[in-house]
Amino acid sequence: MRYFLELAAAFTGSMGFAMIFHVRREKLFLASLGGMLAWGVYLLMGLVSDQDVVRSFAASVFMTVYAEVLARVVKCPATLFIATGCIPLVPGSALYHTMEYFMDGDVSACLSQGLATVLVAVSIALGMLFPTSIFRLAGRTRGKCPR
């Protein structure tokens, strides 16, 4: 039941941001589904690894591949699906706790939590970078014929 609620929250949160970004009604479900699927991959990766960096990287790779494939099928920019799909992966609670430790004056806890937060954010960014680069390279070489 807990996982169902988490997936529903990821879908709803992604839909909320899709509405803020003025995603058209016919693409709203697909954009929201991307966030839910990314969170599902994050949860499934919990069976393999307990590290947030690894889980976030795998989820963002999946979400980016989903966005790139769907962009070609629906014929719209992949950014639309990436921006809404990454919302559940944003380390909001880690950012909050980093600032909480900072405001309390607990320097060592602030630095420790801050480093963990930055590592998760970097893993999400790298998880988006690799599939996007591969899709762009494949798109460039697809139209060229060998001589």
Protein backbone atom coordinates (compact mmCIF):
# COMPACT_ATOMS: atom_id res chain seq x y z
CA MET A 1 0.00 0.00 0.00
CA ARG A 2 2.89 2.37 0.79
CA TYR A 3 4.41 1.93 -2.67
CA PHE A 4 1.05 2.52 -4.33
CA LEU A 5 0.68 5.80 -2.43
CA GLU A 6 4.22 6.85 -3.37
CA LEU A 7 3.56 6.12 -7.04
CA ALA A 8 0.26 8.00 -6.91
CA ALA A 9 2.00 10.96 -5.27
CA ALA A 10 4.73 10.91 -7.94
CA PHE A 11 2.07 10.87 -10.67
CA THR A 12 0.15 13.71 -9.04
CA GLY A 13 3.27 15.79 -8.40
CA SER A 14 4.42 15.37 -11.97
CA MET A 15 0.97 16.30 -13.21
CA GLY A 16 0.99 19.43 -11.07
CA PHE A 17 4.27 20.58 -12.55
CA ALA A 18 3.11 19.65 -16.03
CA MET A 19 0.13 21.95 -15.49
CA ILE A 20 2.43 24.72 -14.27
CA PHE A 21 4.51 24.26 -17.44
CA HIS A 22 1.30 24.46 -19.54
CA VAL A 23 1.66 20.99 -21.03
CA ARG A 24 -1.18 20.38 -23.46
CA ARG A 25 -4.03 18.21 -22.30
CA GLU A 26 -3.28 15.35 -24.71
CA LYS A 27 0.31 15.07 -23.42
CA LEU A 28 -0.50 15.65 -19.73
CA PHE A 29 -1.03 11.98 -18.90
CA LEU A 30 2.15 10.86 -20.68
CA ALA A 31 4.23 13.52 -18.93
CA SER A 32 2.80 12.53 -15.54
CA LEU A 33 3.31 8.87 -16.28
CA GLY A 34 7.02 9.54 -16.82
CA GLY A 35 7.39 10.86 -13.28
CA MET A 36 5.52 7.92 -11.85
CA LEU A 37 7.60 5.41 -13.81
CA ALA A 38 10.83 7.15 -12.80
CA TRP A 39 9.81 6.89 -9.15
CA GLY A 40 8.89 3.24 -9.70
CA VAL A 41 12.39 2.57 -11.03
CA TYR A 42 13.81 4.41 -8.02
CA LEU A 43 11.81 2.16 -5.71
CA LEU A 44 12.77 -1.00 -7.62
CA MET A 45 16.43 -0.05 -7.46
CA GLY A 46 16.03 -0.16 -3.69
CA LEU A 47 16.09 -3.95 -4.05
CA VAL A 48 19.52 -3.74 -5.67
CA SER A 49 21.17 -0.87 -3.81
CA ASP A 50 20.49 1.16 -0.72
CA GLN A 51 22.44 4.19 -1.98
CA ASP A 52 20.37 7.13 -3.16
CA VAL A 53 22.99 8.10 -5.74
CA VAL A 54 22.73 4.78 -7.57
CA ARG A 55 18.94 4.72 -7.35
CA SER A 56 18.61 8.29 -8.60
CA PHE A 57 21.03 7.68 -11.47
CA ALA A 58 19.14 4.60 -12.67
CA ALA A 59 15.78 6.33 -12.36
CA SER A 60 16.94 9.40 -14.27
CA VAL A 61 18.45 7.25 -17.03
CA PHE A 62 15.15 5.41 -17.39
CA MET A 63 13.16 8.64 -17.30
CA THR A 64 15.36 10.25 -19.95
CA VAL A 65 15.11 7.24 -22.27
CA TYR A 66 11.33 7.29 -21.76
CA ALA A 67 11.27 11.00 -22.60
CA GLU A 68 13.46 10.67 -25.70
CA VAL A 69 11.47 7.76 -27.11
CA LEU A 70 8.14 9.40 -26.33
CA ALA A 71 9.29 12.68 -27.88
CA ARG A 72 9.85 10.91 -31.17
CA VAL A 73 6.55 9.06 -31.00
CA VAL A 74 4.45 12.09 -30.02
CA LYS A 75 6.60 14.50 -32.07
CA CYS A 76 7.34 17.09 -29.41
CA PRO A 77 10.47 18.15 -27.49
CA ALA A 78 11.87 15.64 -25.01
CA THR A 79 12.38 18.49 -22.56
CA LEU A 80 8.65 18.51 -21.90
CA PHE A 81 8.79 14.95 -20.55
CA ILE A 82 12.18 15.33 -18.87
CA ALA A 83 11.20 18.45 -16.92
CA THR A 84 8.03 16.90 -15.55
CA GLY A 85 9.46 13.39 -15.12
CA CYS A 86 12.39 14.44 -12.95
CA ILE A 87 10.20 16.17 -10.34
CA PRO A 88 9.77 13.10 -8.09
CA LEU A 89 13.54 12.54 -8.14
CA VAL A 90 14.46 16.00 -6.83
CA PRO A 91 16.05 15.55 -3.39
CA GLY A 92 13.76 18.01 -1.62
CA SER A 93 13.94 16.51 1.86
CA ALA A 94 17.73 16.33 1.67
CA LEU A 95 17.85 20.01 0.70
CA TYR A 96 15.54 20.84 3.59
CA HIS A 97 17.64 18.96 6.11
CA THR A 98 20.83 20.58 4.80
CA MET A 99 19.34 24.01 5.41
CA GLU A 100 17.96 22.90 8.77
CA TYR A 101 21.42 21.83 9.95
CA PHE A 102 22.87 25.07 8.60
CA MET A 103 20.34 27.18 10.49
CA ASP A 104 20.93 25.17 13.68
CA GLY A 105 24.68 25.79 13.37
CA ASP A 106 25.51 22.07 13.08
CA VAL A 107 28.34 22.46 10.60
CA SER A 108 29.42 18.82 10.35
CA ALA A 109 25.86 17.55 9.78
CA CYS A 110 25.26 20.37 7.28
CA LEU A 111 28.36 19.48 5.29
CA SER A 112 27.61 15.76 5.38
CA GLN A 113 23.98 16.20 4.30
CA GLY A 114 24.96 18.86 1.76
CA LEU A 115 27.51 16.57 0.12
CA ALA A 116 24.95 13.76 -0.08
CA THR A 117 22.43 16.15 -1.62
CA VAL A 118 24.90 17.40 -4.22
CA LEU A 119 25.88 13.83 -5.12
CA VAL A 120 22.23 12.89 -5.71
CA ALA A 121 21.69 16.02 -7.82
CA VAL A 122 24.80 15.28 -9.89
CA SER A 123 23.73 11.66 -10.37
CA ILE A 124 20.35 12.85 -11.68
CA ALA A 125 22.05 15.28 -14.06
CA LEU A 126 24.47 12.64 -15.34
CA GLY A 127 21.60 10.18 -15.70
CA MET A 128 19.94 12.69 -18.02
CA LEU A 129 23.14 13.55 -19.88
CA PHE A 130 24.19 10.10 -21.08
CA PRO A 131 20.96 8.96 -22.80
CA THR A 132 20.38 12.40 -24.31
CA SER A 133 23.89 12.40 -25.77
CA ILE A 134 23.45 8.91 -27.19
CA PHE A 135 20.11 9.83 -28.79
CA ARG A 136 21.61 12.97 -30.35
CA LEU A 137 24.62 11.10 -31.71
CA ALA A 138 22.36 8.39 -33.11
CA GLY A 139 20.17 11.05 -34.73
CA ARG A 140 23.15 12.67 -36.42
CA THR A 141 24.60 9.44 -37.80
CA ARG A 142 21.26 7.96 -38.88
CA GLY A 143 20.87 10.30 -41.85
CA LYS A 144 24.41 9.78 -43.18
CA CYS A 145 25.36 7.01 -45.59
CA PRO A 146 28.80 5.41 -45.52
CA ARG A 147 30.85 5.92 -48.68
